[in-house]
Amino acid sequence: MNSNANVMDTVENALEPVHESVRTAARTGSQEFRNLVADVEELIKRVAHVDDADLARARAKLEKTLTAAKSAMHDGTERVKTTAREAAHTTDQYVHTNPWSAIGIAAAAGAAIAVLLSTRNHR
């Protein structure tokens, strides 16, 4: 049992950089989207006082699109979180049920990454 715990710790430690990369990418994309939303909202505020009918229609359409984009981003984020939790749970169950297979898969993935990195460095 102790060796399985050590294997689990090793697998978890090996996967931590991947988890951090995913979190960083999500934060970066999310921050860029927030910046876009803030810029669009600022634009809407700046032209709110203009009475031109065409501009008012464009502003209304932009506000509607912005609301839809925010909703889609929220829904997408929730879907990604749910899928990630399910994948993590399924992976956890698999590793606990098949620790040696998980070690083999991790070793093969590590070897593949090493080969890819070594060929990339030789160019």
PDB file of N, CA and C in Angstrom:
ATOM      1  N   MET A   1       0.821  -1.191   0.000  1.00  0.00           N
ATOM      2  CA  MET A   1       0.000   0.000   0.000  1.00  0.00           C
ATOM      3  C   MET A   1       0.862   1.251   0.000  1.00  0.00           C
ATOM      4  N   ASN A   2       1.968   1.208   0.745  1.00  0.00           N
ATOM      5  CA  ASN A   2       2.857   2.357   0.813  1.00  0.00           C
ATOM      6  C   ASN A   2       3.454   2.675  -0.549  1.00  0.00           C
ATOM      7  N   SER A   3       3.789   1.635  -1.334  1.00  0.00           N
ATOM      8  CA  SER A   3       4.354   1.880  -2.656  1.00  0.00           C
ATOM      9  C   SER A   3       3.322   2.533  -3.566  1.00  0.00           C
ATOM     10  N   ASN A   4       2.053   2.152  -3.417  1.00  0.00           N
ATOM     11  CA  ASN A   4       1.000   2.804  -4.201  1.00  0.00           C
ATOM     12  C   ASN A   4       0.877   4.274  -3.823  1.00  0.00           C
ATOM     13  N   ALA A   5       1.010   4.586  -2.553  1.00  0.00           N
ATOM     14  CA  ALA A   5       0.953   5.983  -2.110  1.00  0.00           C
ATOM     15  C   ALA A   5       2.128   6.755  -2.690  1.00  0.00           C
ATOM     16  N   ASN A   6       3.320   6.137  -2.713  1.00  0.00           N
ATOM     17  CA  ASN A   6       4.484   6.793  -3.308  1.00  0.00           C
ATOM     18  C   ASN A   6       4.291   7.010  -4.802  1.00  0.00           C
ATOM     19  N   VAL A   7       3.707   6.031  -5.471  1.00  0.00           N
ATOM     20  CA  VAL A   7       3.429   6.154  -6.901  1.00  0.00           C
ATOM     21  C   VAL A   7       2.462   7.293  -7.140  1.00  0.00           C
ATOM     22  N   MET A   8       1.421   7.360  -6.309  1.00  0.00           N
ATOM     23  CA  MET A   8       0.427   8.418  -6.459  1.00  0.00           C
ATOM     24  C   MET A   8       1.065   9.783  -6.254  1.00  0.00           C
ATOM     25  N   ASP A   9       1.921   9.890  -5.250  1.00  0.00           N
ATOM     26  CA  ASP A   9       2.615  11.158  -5.004  1.00  0.00           C
ATOM     27  C   ASP A   9       3.490  11.528  -6.197  1.00  0.00           C
ATOM     28  N   THR A  10       4.182  10.540  -6.753  1.00  0.00           N
ATOM     29  CA  THR A  10       5.049  10.784  -7.898  1.00  0.00           C
ATOM     30  C   THR A  10       4.241  11.255  -9.098  1.00  0.00           C
ATOM     31  N   VAL A  11       3.119  10.584  -9.361  1.00  0.00           N
ATOM     32  CA  VAL A  11       2.258  10.971 -10.480  1.00  0.00           C
ATOM     33  C   VAL A  11       1.703  12.372 -10.258  1.00  0.00           C
ATOM     34  N   GLU A  12       1.226  12.641  -9.054  1.00  0.00           N
ATOM     35  CA  GLU A  12       0.679  13.964  -8.759  1.00  0.00           C
ATOM     36  C   GLU A  12       1.753  15.042  -8.912  1.00  0.00           C
ATOM     37  N   ASN A  13       2.951  14.773  -8.432  1.00  0.00           N
ATOM     38  CA  ASN A  13       4.040  15.740  -8.564  1.00  0.00           C
ATOM     39  C   ASN A  13       4.410  15.960 -10.025  1.00  0.00           C
ATOM     40  N   ALA A  14       4.395  14.896 -10.810  1.00  0.00           N
ATOM     41  CA  ALA A  14       4.722  15.022 -12.229  1.00  0.00           C
ATOM     42  C   ALA A  14       3.663  15.820 -12.978  1.00  0.00           C
ATOM     43  N   LEU A  15       2.419  15.730 -12.544  1.00  0.00           N
ATOM     44  CA  LEU A  15       1.334  16.430 -13.227  1.00  0.00           C
ATOM     45  C   LEU A  15       1.177  17.880 -12.779  1.00  0.00           C
ATOM     46  N   GLU A  16       1.798  18.262 -11.691  1.00  0.00           N
ATOM     47  CA  GLU A  16       1.627  19.625 -11.168  1.00  0.00           C
ATOM     48  C   GLU A  16       2.013  20.704 -12.180  1.00  0.00           C
ATOM     49  N   PRO A  17       3.137  20.570 -12.916  1.00  0.00           N
ATOM     50  CA  PRO A  17       3.444  21.602 -13.916  1.00  0.00           C
ATOM     51  C   PRO A  17       2.358  21.723 -14.996  1.00  0.00           C
ATOM     52  N   VAL A  18       1.748  20.604 -15.356  1.00  0.00           N
ATOM     53  CA  VAL A  18       0.669  20.633 -16.343  1.00  0.00           C
ATOM     54  C   VAL A  18      -0.520  21.394 -15.785  1.00  0.00           C
ATOM     55  N   HIS A  19      -0.881  21.098 -14.542  1.00  0.00           N
ATOM     56  CA  HIS A  19      -2.006  21.795 -13.901  1.00  0.00           C
ATOM     57  C   HIS A  19      -1.731  23.301 -13.848  1.00  0.00           C
ATOM     58  N   GLU A  20      -0.517  23.669 -13.486  1.00  0.00           N
ATOM     59  CA  GLU A  20      -0.171  25.094 -13.385  1.00  0.00           C
ATOM     60  C   GLU A  20      -0.221  25.765 -14.747  1.00  0.00           C
ATOM     61  N   SER A  21       0.222  25.068 -15.783  1.00  0.00           N
ATOM     62  CA  SER A  21       0.164  25.633 -17.136  1.00  0.00           C
ATOM     63  C   SER A  21      -1.277  25.874 -17.567  1.00  0.00           C
ATOM     64  N   VAL A  22      -2.146  24.937 -17.257  1.00  0.00           N
ATOM     65  CA  VAL A  22      -3.566  25.088 -17.598  1.00  0.00           C
ATOM     66  C   VAL A  22      -4.159  26.269 -16.840  1.00  0.00           C
ATOM     67  N   ARG A  23      -3.840  26.369 -15.546  1.00  0.00           N
ATOM     68  CA  ARG A  23      -4.363  27.489 -14.751  1.00  0.00           C
ATOM     69  C   ARG A  23      -3.861  28.822 -15.299  1.00  0.00           C
ATOM     70  N   THR A  24      -2.585  28.892 -15.677  1.00  0.00           N
ATOM     71  CA  THR A  24      -2.016  30.127 -16.213  1.00  0.00           C
ATOM     72  C   THR A  24      -2.676  30.507 -17.529  1.00  0.00           C
ATOM     73  N   ALA A  25      -2.859  29.529 -18.401  1.00  0.00           N
ATOM     74  CA  ALA A  25      -3.503  29.803 -19.687  1.00  0.00           C
ATOM     75  C   ALA A  25      -4.936  30.288 -19.484  1.00  0.00           C
ATOM     76  N   ALA A  26      -5.642  29.672 -18.562  1.00  0.00           N
ATOM     77  CA  ALA A  26      -7.020  30.082 -18.294  1.00  0.00           C
ATOM     78  C   ALA A  26      -7.065  31.504 -17.756  1.00  0.00           C
ATOM     79  N   ARG A  27      -6.149  31.823 -16.843  1.00  0.00           N
ATOM     80  CA  ARG A  27      -6.115  33.183 -16.280  1.00  0.00           C
ATOM     81  C   ARG A  27      -5.795  34.199 -17.367  1.00  0.00           C
ATOM     82  N   THR A  28      -4.840  33.885 -18.241  1.00  0.00           N
ATOM     83  CA  THR A  28      -4.441  34.806 -19.292  1.00  0.00           C
ATOM     84  C   THR A  28      -5.586  35.062 -20.252  1.00  0.00           C
ATOM     85  N   GLY A  29      -6.231  34.007 -20.709  1.00  0.00           N
ATOM     86  CA  GLY A  29      -7.366  34.155 -21.620  1.00  0.00           C
ATOM     87  C   GLY A  29      -8.509  34.890 -20.963  1.00  0.00           C
ATOM     88  N   SER A  30      -8.756  34.572 -19.725  1.00  0.00           N
ATOM     89  CA  SER A  30      -9.829  35.223 -18.984  1.00  0.00           C
ATOM     90  C   SER A  30      -9.528  36.705 -18.805  1.00  0.00           C
ATOM     91  N   GLN A  31      -8.283  37.043 -18.493  1.00  0.00           N
ATOM     92  CA  GLN A  31      -7.907  38.447 -18.305  1.00  0.00           C
ATOM     93  C   GLN A  31      -8.032  39.214 -19.616  1.00  0.00           C
ATOM     94  N   GLU A  32      -7.640  38.613 -20.727  1.00  0.00           N
ATOM     95  CA  GLU A  32      -7.776  39.274 -22.022  1.00  0.00           C
ATOM     96  C   GLU A  32      -9.248  39.526 -22.341  1.00  0.00           C
ATOM     97  N   PHE A  33     -10.100  38.573 -22.035  1.00  0.00           N
ATOM     98  CA  PHE A  33     -11.529  38.751 -22.271  1.00  0.00           C
ATOM     99  C   PHE A  33     -12.069  39.875 -21.382  1.00  0.00           C
ATOM    100  N   ARG A  34     -11.652  39.893 -20.110  1.00  0.00           N
ATOM    101  CA  ARG A  34     -12.093  40.970 -19.203  1.00  0.00           C
ATOM    102  C   ARG A  34     -11.640  42.334 -19.713  1.00  0.00           C
ATOM    103  N   ASN A  35     -10.410  42.403 -20.232  1.00  0.00           N
ATOM    104  CA  ASN A  35      -9.913  43.658 -20.785  1.00  0.00           C
ATOM    105  C   ASN A  35     -10.761  44.099 -21.978  1.00  0.00           C
ATOM    106  N   LEU A  36     -11.100  43.154 -22.839  1.00  0.00           N
ATOM    107  CA  LEU A  36     -11.943  43.469 -23.994  1.00  0.00           C
ATOM    108  C   LEU A  36     -13.304  43.980 -23.534  1.00  0.00           C
ATOM    109  N   VAL A  37     -13.909  43.300 -22.580  1.00  0.00           N
ATOM    110  CA  VAL A  37     -15.210  43.711 -22.067  1.00  0.00           C
ATOM    111  C   VAL A  37     -15.127  45.107 -21.462  1.00  0.00           C
ATOM    112  N   ALA A  38     -14.092  45.361 -20.695  1.00  0.00           N
ATOM    113  CA  ALA A  38     -13.930  46.684 -20.075  1.00  0.00           C
ATOM    114  C   ALA A  38     -13.768  47.764 -21.148  1.00  0.00           C
ATOM    115  N   ASP A  39     -12.997  47.477 -22.181  1.00  0.00           N
ATOM    116  CA  ASP A  39     -12.813  48.448 -23.264  1.00  0.00           C
ATOM    117  C   ASP A  39     -14.126  48.735 -23.988  1.00  0.00           C
ATOM    118  N   VAL A  40     -14.884  47.699 -24.264  1.00  0.00           N
ATOM    119  CA  VAL A  40     -16.166  47.871 -24.952  1.00  0.00           C
ATOM    120  C   VAL A  40     -17.141  48.647 -24.069  1.00  0.00           C
ATOM    121  N   GLU A  41     -17.181  48.318 -22.789  1.00  0.00           N
ATOM    122  CA  GLU A  41     -18.065  49.040 -21.873  1.00  0.00           C
ATOM    123  C   GLU A  41     -17.673  50.514 -21.794  1.00  0.00           C
ATOM    124  N   GLU A  42     -16.377  50.786 -21.776  1.00  0.00           N
ATOM    125  CA  GLU A  42     -15.895  52.175 -21.757  1.00  0.00           C
ATOM    126  C   GLU A  42     -16.318  52.895 -23.037  1.00  0.00           C
ATOM    127  N   LEU A  43     -16.211  52.240 -24.164  1.00  0.00           N
ATOM    128  CA  LEU A  43     -16.635  52.824 -25.436  1.00  0.00           C
ATOM    129  C   LEU A  43     -18.128  53.143 -25.411  1.00  0.00           C
ATOM    130  N   ILE A  44     -18.917  52.223 -24.903  1.00  0.00           N
ATOM    131  CA  ILE A  44     -20.368  52.445 -24.819  1.00  0.00           C
ATOM    132  C   ILE A  44     -20.669  53.660 -23.944  1.00  0.00           C
ATOM    133  N   LYS A  45     -19.978  53.782 -22.827  1.00  0.00           N
ATOM    134  CA  LYS A  45     -20.186  54.933 -21.938  1.00  0.00           C
ATOM    135  C   LYS A  45     -19.804  56.246 -22.621  1.00  0.00           C
ATOM    136  N   ARG A  46     -18.720  56.216 -23.374  1.00  0.00           N
ATOM    137  CA  ARG A  46     -18.253  57.451 -24.023  1.00  0.00           C
ATOM    138  C   ARG A  46     -19.199  57.954 -25.104  1.00  0.00           C
ATOM    139  N   VAL A  47     -19.905  57.050 -25.758  1.00  0.00           N
ATOM    140  CA  VAL A  47     -20.807  57.485 -26.828  1.00  0.00           C
ATOM    141  C   VAL A  47     -22.267  57.494 -26.369  1.00  0.00           C
ATOM    142  N   ALA A  48     -22.510  57.291 -25.084  1.00  0.00           N
ATOM    143  CA  ALA A  48     -23.889  57.237 -24.576  1.00  0.00           C
ATOM    144  C   ALA A  48     -24.622  58.555 -24.750  1.00  0.00           C
ATOM    145  N   HIS A  49     -23.916  59.662 -24.701  1.00  0.00           N
ATOM    146  CA  HIS A  49     -24.560  60.967 -24.780  1.00  0.00           C
ATOM    147  C   HIS A  49     -24.864  61.407 -26.214  1.00  0.00           C
ATOM    148  N   VAL A  50     -24.322  60.718 -27.200  1.00  0.00           N
ATOM    149  CA  VAL A  50     -24.550  61.085 -28.599  1.00  0.00           C
ATOM    150  C   VAL A  50     -25.946  60.631 -29.007  1.00  0.00           C
ATOM    151  N   ASP A  51     -26.691  61.538 -29.673  1.00  0.00           N
ATOM    152  CA  ASP A  51     -28.097  61.268 -29.992  1.00  0.00           C
ATOM    153  C   ASP A  51     -28.325  60.717 -31.387  1.00  0.00           C
ATOM    154  N   ASP A  52     -27.307  60.456 -32.140  1.00  0.00           N
ATOM    155  CA  ASP A  52     -27.457  59.942 -33.497  1.00  0.00           C
ATOM    156  C   ASP A  52     -28.196  58.604 -33.470  1.00  0.00           C
ATOM    157  N   ALA A  53     -29.215  58.455 -34.324  1.00  0.00           N
ATOM    158  CA  ALA A  53     -30.040  57.247 -34.334  1.00  0.00           C
ATOM    159  C   ALA A  53     -29.235  56.006 -34.737  1.00  0.00           C
ATOM    160  N   ASP A  54     -28.396  56.148 -35.762  1.00  0.00           N
ATOM    161  CA  ASP A  54     -27.574  55.009 -36.194  1.00  0.00           C
ATOM    162  C   ASP A  54     -26.618  54.579 -35.087  1.00  0.00           C
ATOM    163  N   LEU A  55     -26.033  55.545 -34.400  1.00  0.00           N
ATOM    164  CA  LEU A  55     -25.125  55.241 -33.308  1.00  0.00           C
ATOM    165  C   LEU A  55     -25.875  54.576 -32.151  1.00  0.00           C
ATOM    166  N   ALA A  56     -27.093  55.032 -31.899  1.00  0.00           N
ATOM    167  CA  ALA A  56     -27.895  54.430 -30.822  1.00  0.00           C
ATOM    168  C   ALA A  56     -28.199  52.968 -31.144  1.00  0.00           C
ATOM    169  N   ARG A  57     -28.524  52.679 -32.393  1.00  0.00           N
ATOM    170  CA  ARG A  57     -28.791  51.286 -32.800  1.00  0.00           C
ATOM    171  C   ARG A  57     -27.517  50.445 -32.658  1.00  0.00           C
ATOM    172  N   ALA A  58     -26.400  51.013 -33.112  1.00  0.00           N
ATOM    173  CA  ALA A  58     -25.131  50.288 -33.011  1.00  0.00           C
ATOM    174  C   ALA A  58     -24.777  50.042 -31.551  1.00  0.00           C
ATOM    175  N   ARG A  59     -24.998  51.046 -30.698  1.00  0.00           N
ATOM    176  CA  ARG A  59     -24.709  50.912 -29.269  1.00  0.00           C
ATOM    177  C   ARG A  59     -25.586  49.826 -28.649  1.00  0.00           C
ATOM    178  N   ALA A  60     -26.876  49.812 -29.000  1.00  0.00           N
ATOM    179  CA  ALA A  60     -27.788  48.796 -28.469  1.00  0.00           C
ATOM    180  C   ALA A  60     -27.368  47.397 -28.924  1.00  0.00           C
ATOM    181  N   LYS A  61     -26.985  47.291 -30.186  1.00  0.00           N
ATOM    182  CA  LYS A  61     -26.538  45.993 -30.706  1.00  0.00           C
ATOM    183  C   LYS A  61     -25.262  45.553 -30.003  1.00  0.00           C
ATOM    184  N   LEU A  62     -24.351  46.484 -29.783  1.00  0.00           N
ATOM    185  CA  LEU A  62     -23.095  46.173 -29.108  1.00  0.00           C
ATOM    186  C   LEU A  62     -23.344  45.740 -27.667  1.00  0.00           C
ATOM    187  N   GLU A  63     -24.252  46.414 -26.972  1.00  0.00           N
ATOM    188  CA  GLU A  63     -24.583  46.034 -25.599  1.00  0.00           C
ATOM    189  C   GLU A  63     -25.189  44.625 -25.553  1.00  0.00           C
ATOM    190  N   LYS A  64     -26.058  44.332 -26.526  1.00  0.00           N
ATOM    191  CA  LYS A  64     -26.675  43.002 -26.590  1.00  0.00           C
ATOM    192  C   LYS A  64     -25.608  41.931 -26.863  1.00  0.00           C
ATOM    193  N   THR A  65     -24.718  42.217 -27.789  1.00  0.00           N
ATOM    194  CA  THR A  65     -23.648  41.273 -28.117  1.00  0.00           C
ATOM    195  C   THR A  65     -22.715  41.077 -26.932  1.00  0.00           C
ATOM    196  N   LEU A  66     -22.410  42.166 -26.228  1.00  0.00           N
ATOM    197  CA  LEU A  66     -21.547  42.088 -25.061  1.00  0.00           C
ATOM    198  C   LEU A  66     -22.183  41.237 -23.964  1.00  0.00           C
ATOM    199  N   THR A  67     -23.459  41.419 -23.744  1.00  0.00           N
ATOM    200  CA  THR A  67     -24.170  40.611 -22.748  1.00  0.00           C
ATOM    201  C   THR A  67     -24.144  39.130 -23.137  1.00  0.00           C
ATOM    202  N   ALA A  68     -24.368  38.859 -24.418  1.00  0.00           N
ATOM    203  CA  ALA A  68     -24.332  37.469 -24.892  1.00  0.00           C
ATOM    204  C   ALA A  68     -22.932  36.885 -24.743  1.00  0.00           C
ATOM    205  N   ALA A  69     -21.893  37.673 -25.026  1.00  0.00           N
ATOM    206  CA  ALA A  69     -20.519  37.189 -24.900  1.00  0.00           C
ATOM    207  C   ALA A  69     -20.177  36.880 -23.448  1.00  0.00           C
ATOM    208  N   LYS A  70     -20.607  37.748 -22.533  1.00  0.00           N
ATOM    209  CA  LYS A  70     -20.372  37.497 -21.111  1.00  0.00           C
ATOM    210  C   LYS A  70     -21.053  36.206 -20.673  1.00  0.00           C
ATOM    211  N   SER A  71     -22.286  36.029 -21.123  1.00  0.00           N
ATOM    212  CA  SER A  71     -23.031  34.822 -20.762  1.00  0.00           C
ATOM    213  C   SER A  71     -22.355  33.574 -21.333  1.00  0.00           C
ATOM    214  N   ALA A  72     -21.929  33.656 -22.590  1.00  0.00           N
ATOM    215  CA  ALA A  72     -21.263  32.514 -23.226  1.00  0.00           C
ATOM    216  C   ALA A  72     -19.947  32.197 -22.521  1.00  0.00           C
ATOM    217  N   MET A  73     -19.214  33.229 -22.126  1.00  0.00           N
ATOM    218  CA  MET A  73     -17.952  33.019 -21.413  1.00  0.00           C
ATOM    219  C   MET A  73     -18.210  32.331 -20.079  1.00  0.00           C
ATOM    220  N   HIS A  74     -19.233  32.794 -19.375  1.00  0.00           N
ATOM    221  CA  HIS A  74     -19.569  32.184 -18.086  1.00  0.00           C
ATOM    222  C   HIS A  74     -19.983  30.724 -18.279  1.00  0.00           C
ATOM    223  N   ASP A  75     -20.846  30.480 -19.264  1.00  0.00           N
ATOM    224  CA  ASP A  75     -21.295  29.107 -19.525  1.00  0.00           C
ATOM    225  C   ASP A  75     -20.125  28.214 -19.924  1.00  0.00           C
ATOM    226  N   GLY A  76     -19.247  28.740 -20.781  1.00  0.00           N
ATOM    227  CA  GLY A  76     -18.085  27.972 -21.209  1.00  0.00           C
ATOM    228  C   GLY A  76     -17.152  27.667 -20.052  1.00  0.00           C
ATOM    229  N   THR A  77     -16.970  28.651 -19.186  1.00  0.00           N
ATOM    230  CA  THR A  77     -16.122  28.451 -18.014  1.00  0.00           C
ATOM    231  C   THR A  77     -16.691  27.369 -17.118  1.00  0.00           C
ATOM    232  N   GLU A  78     -17.983  27.411 -16.907  1.00  0.00           N
ATOM    233  CA  GLU A  78     -18.621  26.393 -16.071  1.00  0.00           C
ATOM    234  C   GLU A  78     -18.502  25.003 -16.700  1.00  0.00           C
ATOM    235  N   ARG A  79     -18.668  24.921 -18.029  1.00  0.00           N
ATOM    236  CA  ARG A  79     -18.520  23.633 -18.716  1.00  0.00           C
ATOM    237  C   ARG A  79     -17.103  23.105 -18.574  1.00  0.00           C
ATOM    238  N   VAL A  80     -16.120  23.983 -18.738  1.00  0.00           N
ATOM    239  CA  VAL A  80     -14.714  23.564 -18.615  1.00  0.00           C
ATOM    240  C   VAL A  80     -14.428  23.087 -17.195  1.00  0.00           C
ATOM    241  N   LYS A  81     -14.922  23.829 -16.205  1.00  0.00           N
ATOM    242  CA  LYS A  81     -14.703  23.421 -14.811  1.00  0.00           C
ATOM    243  C   LYS A  81     -15.326  22.058 -14.546  1.00  0.00           C
ATOM    244  N   THR A  82     -16.556  21.865 -15.007  1.00  0.00           N
ATOM    245  CA  THR A  82     -17.245  20.590 -14.789  1.00  0.00           C
ATOM    246  C   THR A  82     -16.504  19.452 -15.479  1.00  0.00           C
ATOM    247  N   THR A  83     -16.110  19.671 -16.722  1.00  0.00           N
ATOM    248  CA  THR A  83     -15.391  18.642 -17.475  1.00  0.00           C
ATOM    249  C   THR A  83     -14.046  18.331 -16.816  1.00  0.00           C
ATOM    250  N   ALA A  84     -13.348  19.355 -16.348  1.00  0.00           N
ATOM    251  CA  ALA A  84     -12.052  19.141 -15.695  1.00  0.00           C
ATOM    252  C   ALA A  84     -12.218  18.349 -14.399  1.00  0.00           C
ATOM    253  N   ARG A  85     -13.252  18.689 -13.634  1.00  0.00           N
ATOM    254  CA  ARG A  85     -13.496  17.938 -12.394  1.00  0.00           C
ATOM    255  C   ARG A  85     -13.804  16.470 -12.697  1.00  0.00           C
ATOM    256  N   GLU A  86     -14.646  16.240 -13.713  1.00  0.00           N
ATOM    257  CA  GLU A  86     -14.992  14.866 -14.086  1.00  0.00           C
ATOM    258  C   GLU A  86     -13.758  14.112 -14.576  1.00  0.00           C
ATOM    259  N   ALA A  87     -12.932  14.771 -15.376  1.00  0.00           N
ATOM    260  CA  ALA A  87     -11.713  14.130 -15.882  1.00  0.00           C
ATOM    261  C   ALA A  87     -10.755  13.816 -14.739  1.00  0.00           C
ATOM    262  N   ALA A  88     -10.615  14.745 -13.814  1.00  0.00           N
ATOM    263  CA  ALA A  88      -9.730  14.514 -12.667  1.00  0.00           C
ATOM    264  C   ALA A  88     -10.243  13.359 -11.816  1.00  0.00           C
ATOM    265  N   HIS A  89     -11.550  13.312 -11.606  1.00  0.00           N
ATOM    266  CA  HIS A  89     -12.137  12.232 -10.808  1.00  0.00           C
ATOM    267  C   HIS A  89     -11.942  10.884 -11.509  1.00  0.00           C
ATOM    268  N   THR A  90     -12.199  10.848 -12.816  1.00  0.00           N
ATOM    269  CA  THR A  90     -12.040   9.609 -13.576  1.00  0.00           C
ATOM    270  C   THR A  90     -10.581   9.160 -13.576  1.00  0.00           C
ATOM    271  N   THR A  91      -9.673  10.111 -13.771  1.00  0.00           N
ATOM    272  CA  THR A  91      -8.240   9.795 -13.749  1.00  0.00           C
ATOM    273  C   THR A  91      -7.817   9.270 -12.387  1.00  0.00           C
ATOM    274  N   ASP A  92      -8.301   9.921 -11.342  1.00  0.00           N
ATOM    275  CA  ASP A  92      -7.979   9.496  -9.979  1.00  0.00           C
ATOM    276  C   ASP A  92      -8.453   8.066  -9.739  1.00  0.00           C
ATOM    277  N   GLN A  93      -9.674   7.771 -10.172  1.00  0.00           N
ATOM    278  CA  GLN A  93     -10.197   6.406 -10.012  1.00  0.00           C
ATOM    279  C   GLN A  93      -9.347   5.404 -10.788  1.00  0.00           C
ATOM    280  N   TYR A  94      -8.988   5.762 -12.031  1.00  0.00           N
ATOM    281  CA  TYR A  94      -8.199   4.859 -12.859  1.00  0.00           C
ATOM    282  C   TYR A  94      -6.838   4.589 -12.224  1.00  0.00           C
ATOM    283  N   VAL A  95      -6.182   5.653 -11.742  1.00  0.00           N
ATOM    284  CA  VAL A  95      -4.845   5.492 -11.155  1.00  0.00           C
ATOM    285  C   VAL A  95      -4.913   4.646  -9.887  1.00  0.00           C
ATOM    286  N   HIS A  96      -5.952   4.833  -9.101  1.00  0.00           N
ATOM    287  CA  HIS A  96      -6.072   4.018  -7.894  1.00  0.00           C
ATOM    288  C   HIS A  96      -6.383   2.551  -8.233  1.00  0.00           C
ATOM    289  N   THR A  97      -7.136   2.329  -9.285  1.00  0.00           N
ATOM    290  CA  THR A  97      -7.491   0.970  -9.692  1.00  0.00           C
ATOM    291  C   THR A  97      -6.338   0.283 -10.430  1.00  0.00           C
ATOM    292  N   ASN A  98      -5.604   1.042 -11.243  1.00  0.00           N
ATOM    293  CA  ASN A  98      -4.534   0.491 -12.085  1.00  0.00           C
ATOM    294  C   ASN A  98      -3.243   1.282 -11.904  1.00  0.00           C
ATOM    295  N   PRO A  99      -2.612   1.201 -10.740  1.00  0.00           N
ATOM    296  CA  PRO A  99      -1.432   2.053 -10.512  1.00  0.00           C
ATOM    297  C   PRO A  99      -0.278   1.749 -11.461  1.00  0.00           C
ATOM    298  N   TRP A 100      -0.051   0.482 -11.788  1.00  0.00           N
ATOM    299  CA  TRP A 100       1.086   0.156 -12.652  1.00  0.00           C
ATOM    300  C   TRP A 100       0.835   0.584 -14.085  1.00  0.00           C
ATOM    301  N   SER A 101      -0.382   0.494 -14.522  1.00  0.00           N
ATOM    302  CA  SER A 101      -0.704   0.996 -15.866  1.00  0.00           C
ATOM    303  C   SER A 101      -0.490   2.503 -15.921  1.00  0.00           C
ATOM    304  N   ALA A 102      -0.892   3.185 -14.857  1.00  0.00           N
ATOM    305  CA  ALA A 102      -0.717   4.641 -14.800  1.00  0.00           C
ATOM    306  C   ALA A 102       0.762   5.004 -14.843  1.00  0.00           C
ATOM    307  N   ILE A 103       1.593   4.227 -14.155  1.00  0.00           N
ATOM    308  CA  ILE A 103       3.031   4.482 -14.179  1.00  0.00           C
ATOM    309  C   ILE A 103       3.569   4.288 -15.588  1.00  0.00           C
ATOM    310  N   GLY A 104       3.118   3.241 -16.255  1.00  0.00           N
ATOM    311  CA  GLY A 104       3.553   2.988 -17.631  1.00  0.00           C
ATOM    312  C   GLY A 104       3.142   4.105 -18.573  1.00  0.00           C
ATOM    313  N   ILE A 105       1.906   4.571 -18.423  1.00  0.00           N
ATOM    314  CA  ILE A 105       1.418   5.661 -19.269  1.00  0.00           C
ATOM    315  C   ILE A 105       2.217   6.930 -18.997  1.00  0.00           C
ATOM    316  N   ALA A 106       2.451   7.226 -17.716  1.00  0.00           N
ATOM    317  CA  ALA A 106       3.227   8.418 -17.360  1.00  0.00           C
ATOM    318  C   ALA A 106       4.651   8.325 -17.905  1.00  0.00           C
ATOM    319  N   ALA A 107       5.252   7.141 -17.818  1.00  0.00           N
ATOM    320  CA  ALA A 107       6.614   6.954 -18.332  1.00  0.00           C
ATOM    321  C   ALA A 107       6.645   7.133 -19.848  1.00  0.00           C
ATOM    322  N   ALA A 108       5.660   6.563 -20.542  1.00  0.00           N
ATOM    323  CA  ALA A 108       5.600   6.697 -21.996  1.00  0.00           C
ATOM    324  C   ALA A 108       5.397   8.157 -22.397  1.00  0.00           C
ATOM    325  N   ALA A 109       4.517   8.849 -21.677  1.00  0.00           N
ATOM    326  CA  ALA A 109       4.287  10.263 -21.979  1.00  0.00           C
ATOM    327  C   ALA A 109       5.552  11.067 -21.723  1.00  0.00           C
ATOM    328  N   GLY A 110       6.229  10.787 -20.632  1.00  0.00           N
ATOM    329  CA  GLY A 110       7.477  11.480 -20.333  1.00  0.00           C
ATOM    330  C   GLY A 110       8.534  11.225 -21.396  1.00  0.00           C
ATOM    331  N   ALA A 111       8.632   9.983 -21.844  1.00  0.00           N
ATOM    332  CA  ALA A 111       9.599   9.648 -22.894  1.00  0.00           C
ATOM    333  C   ALA A 111       9.258  10.368 -24.195  1.00  0.00           C
ATOM    334  N   ALA A 112       7.972  10.411 -24.533  1.00  0.00           N
ATOM    335  CA  ALA A 112       7.553  11.096 -25.756  1.00  0.00           C
ATOM    336  C   ALA A 112       7.872  12.587 -25.677  1.00  0.00           C
ATOM    337  N   ILE A 113       7.618  13.187 -24.549  1.00  0.00           N
ATOM    338  CA  ILE A 113       7.920  14.610 -24.368  1.00  0.00           C
ATOM    339  C   ILE A 113       9.426  14.838 -24.455  1.00  0.00           C
ATOM    340  N   ALA A 114      10.198  13.947 -23.848  1.00  0.00           N
ATOM    341  CA  ALA A 114      11.657  14.077 -23.895  1.00  0.00           C
ATOM    342  C   ALA A 114      12.166  13.983 -25.331  1.00  0.00           C
ATOM    343  N   VAL A 115      11.624  13.071 -26.101  1.00  0.00           N
ATOM    344  CA  VAL A 115      12.032  12.924 -27.498  1.00  0.00           C
ATOM    345  C   VAL A 115      11.679  14.176 -28.284  1.00  0.00           C
ATOM    346  N   LEU A 116      10.463  14.675 -28.081  1.00  0.00           N
ATOM    347  CA  LEU A 116      10.046  15.884 -28.790  1.00  0.00           C
ATOM    348  C   LEU A 116      10.920  17.080 -28.423  1.00  0.00           C
ATOM    349  N   LEU A 117      11.209  17.211 -27.143  1.00  0.00           N
ATOM    350  CA  LEU A 117      12.065  18.332 -26.723  1.00  0.00           C
ATOM    351  C   LEU A 117      13.487  18.195 -27.227  1.00  0.00           C
ATOM    352  N   SER A 118      14.015  16.961 -27.245  1.00  0.00           N
ATOM    353  CA  SER A 118      15.401  16.784 -27.709  1.00  0.00           C
ATOM    354  C   SER A 118      15.504  17.050 -29.213  1.00  0.00           C
ATOM    355  N   THR A 119      14.522  16.671 -29.991  1.00  0.00           N
ATOM    356  CA  THR A 119      14.570  16.947 -31.431  1.00  0.00           C
ATOM    357  C   THR A 119      14.371  18.425 -31.695  1.00  0.00           C
ATOM    358  N   ARG A 120      13.608  19.082 -30.869  1.00  0.00           N
ATOM    359  CA  ARG A 120      13.370  20.519 -31.015  1.00  0.00           C
ATOM    360  C   ARG A 120      14.650  21.299 -30.693  1.00  0.00           C
ATOM    361  N   ASN A 121      15.391  20.835 -29.695  1.00  0.00           N
ATOM    362  CA  ASN A 121      16.626  21.517 -29.295  1.00  0.00           C
ATOM    363  C   ASN A 121      17.761  21.319 -30.296  1.00  0.00           C
ATOM    364  N   HIS A 122      17.689  20.272 -31.096  1.00  0.00           N
ATOM    365  CA  HIS A 122      18.748  19.985 -32.053  1.00  0.00           C
ATOM    366  C   HIS A 122      18.566  20.748 -33.358  1.00  0.00           C
ATOM    367  N   ARG A 123      17.475  21.427 -33.530  1.00  0.00           N
ATOM    368  CA  ARG A 123      17.235  22.160 -34.788  1.00  0.00           C
ATOM    369  C   ARG A 123      17.926  23.451 -34.814  1.00  0.00           C
TER     370      ARG A 123
END
